[in-house]
Amino acid sequence: MDLEAIKKAVVDALEDIKAKDITVLDVSKLTSMTECMIIATADSNRQTRALSSNVQKKLKALDVPPLGVEGENNGEWVLVDFGSVVVHIMQGAVREHYSLEELWGGQRPAGARPRMAAHA
């Protein structure tokens, strides 16, 4: 299955369960580990797990099973790895803290506050 179809299926699955601030980042020029990261915000542990489950179910139906899933037990940050696409489903505070968009060359979601540098 081609990259664009996988990205669309992931975004559709996230939208089905009302994920917020879905961001799609092309990281192909920054790493050889993956081509794309999709980051989404969930409101609760239950929603992160539901989003992860729906993404896995939708892609499995398209014959794209995940290579790995991490974080479902905790539910604050769930990572679903499809090889060419890595999906990060995070609760708001965790997403703000790690700011993956900034690390990987994207922009923060519109409602996110900038991180403050710690003063010594």
Protein backbone atom coordinates (compact mmCIF):
# COMPACT_ATOMS: atom_id res chain seq x y z
CA MET A 1 0.00 0.00 0.00
CA ASP A 2 1.37 3.42 -0.84
CA LEU A 3 2.35 6.04 1.75
CA GLU A 4 -0.47 8.48 0.94
CA ALA A 5 -3.12 5.79 1.37
CA ILE A 6 -1.66 4.77 4.74
CA LYS A 7 -1.55 8.39 5.93
CA LYS A 8 -5.16 8.96 4.86
CA ALA A 9 -6.33 5.76 6.57
CA VAL A 10 -4.57 6.75 9.81
CA VAL A 11 -6.02 10.27 9.80
CA ASP A 12 -9.51 8.91 9.02
CA ALA A 13 -9.22 6.41 11.91
CA LEU A 14 -8.12 9.19 14.28
CA GLU A 15 -10.96 11.46 13.17
CA ASP A 16 -13.47 8.63 13.73
CA ILE A 17 -12.70 8.68 17.47
CA LYS A 18 -12.47 12.50 17.68
CA ALA A 19 -8.70 12.96 18.04
CA LYS A 20 -7.66 16.60 18.31
CA ASP A 21 -4.88 18.58 16.62
CA ILE A 22 -3.92 15.88 14.12
CA THR A 23 -0.55 16.78 12.62
CA VAL A 24 1.14 14.98 9.72
CA LEU A 25 4.91 15.51 9.47
CA ASP A 26 7.15 14.44 6.60
CA VAL A 27 10.36 13.37 8.36
CA SER A 28 11.90 11.47 5.44
CA LYS A 29 14.73 13.99 5.10
CA LEU A 30 15.48 13.90 8.85
CA THR A 31 15.64 10.16 9.57
CA SER A 32 15.88 6.83 7.83
CA MET A 33 13.64 5.17 10.45
CA THR A 34 10.33 6.37 8.98
CA GLU A 35 8.94 8.66 6.32
CA CYS A 36 6.05 10.22 8.19
CA MET A 37 4.92 10.91 11.74
CA ILE A 38 1.31 11.52 12.61
CA ILE A 39 0.66 13.09 16.00
CA ALA A 40 -2.77 13.42 17.63
CA THR A 41 -4.12 14.51 21.00
CA ALA A 42 -6.54 12.51 23.14
CA ASP A 43 -8.46 13.66 26.21
CA SER A 44 -7.97 10.56 28.38
CA ASN A 45 -6.23 7.19 28.76
CA ARG A 46 -9.38 5.54 27.48
CA GLN A 47 -9.41 7.69 24.35
CA THR A 48 -5.71 7.10 23.59
CA ARG A 49 -6.34 3.35 23.71
CA ALA A 50 -9.51 3.65 21.62
CA LEU A 51 -7.68 5.74 19.02
CA SER A 52 -4.81 3.26 18.89
CA SER A 53 -7.21 0.34 18.55
CA ASN A 54 -9.15 2.03 15.75
CA VAL A 55 -5.99 2.94 13.82
CA GLN A 56 -4.73 -0.65 14.09
CA LYS A 57 -8.10 -2.10 13.09
CA LYS A 58 -8.50 0.18 10.04
CA LEU A 59 -5.00 -0.50 8.77
CA LYS A 60 -5.14 -4.22 9.45
CA ALA A 61 -8.26 -4.29 7.24
CA LEU A 62 -6.06 -2.79 4.51
CA ASP A 63 -3.40 -5.49 5.08
CA VAL A 64 -1.07 -3.08 6.89
CA PRO A 65 -0.53 -4.57 10.36
CA PRO A 66 1.53 -2.61 12.88
CA LEU A 67 5.18 -3.54 13.37
CA GLY A 68 4.88 -2.57 17.01
CA VAL A 69 2.70 -0.83 19.58
CA GLU A 70 3.96 0.79 22.78
CA GLY A 71 2.31 2.60 25.67
CA GLU A 72 -1.18 1.10 25.65
CA ASN A 73 -0.92 -0.02 29.28
CA ASN A 74 -0.26 3.50 30.54
CA GLY A 75 -2.37 5.30 27.96
CA GLU A 76 -0.71 8.71 28.22
CA TRP A 77 1.30 8.24 25.01
CA VAL A 78 0.66 5.39 22.60
CA LEU A 79 2.98 4.82 19.67
CA VAL A 80 1.85 2.68 16.73
CA ASP A 81 4.61 1.85 14.24
CA PHE A 82 3.67 0.96 10.67
CA GLY A 83 7.21 1.31 9.32
CA SER A 84 6.79 4.14 6.85
CA VAL A 85 4.31 5.86 9.20
CA VAL A 86 4.67 6.20 12.97
CA VAL A 87 1.59 7.34 14.88
CA HIS A 88 1.89 9.15 18.23
CA ILE A 89 -1.35 9.44 20.22
CA MET A 90 -0.76 11.61 23.27
CA GLN A 91 -2.70 13.25 26.04
CA GLY A 92 -2.48 17.04 25.90
CA ALA A 93 -0.02 17.60 28.77
CA VAL A 94 2.32 14.90 27.46
CA ARG A 95 2.17 16.31 23.93
CA GLU A 96 2.92 19.79 25.20
CA HIS A 97 5.82 18.56 27.31
CA TYR A 98 7.58 16.57 24.57
CA SER A 99 6.67 18.91 21.70
CA LEU A 100 7.45 16.39 18.96
CA GLU A 101 6.43 18.88 16.27
CA GLU A 102 9.29 21.18 17.25
CA LEU A 103 11.77 18.31 17.45
CA TRP A 104 10.84 17.07 13.98
CA GLY A 105 10.56 20.41 12.19
CA GLY A 106 6.84 21.03 12.35
CA GLN A 107 4.76 23.58 14.21
CA ARG A 108 2.94 23.32 17.52
CA PRO A 109 -0.83 22.88 17.36
CA ALA A 110 -2.60 26.25 17.42
CA GLY A 111 -3.78 25.97 21.04
CA ALA A 112 -0.47 24.78 22.50
CA ARG A 113 1.61 27.06 24.65
CA PRO A 114 5.34 27.41 23.97
CA ARG A 115 7.62 25.59 26.39
CA MET A 116 9.41 27.84 28.82
CA ALA A 117 13.14 27.35 29.23
CA ALA A 118 14.21 26.41 32.74
CA HIS A 119 16.16 29.08 34.56
CA ALA A 120 19.23 28.09 36.56
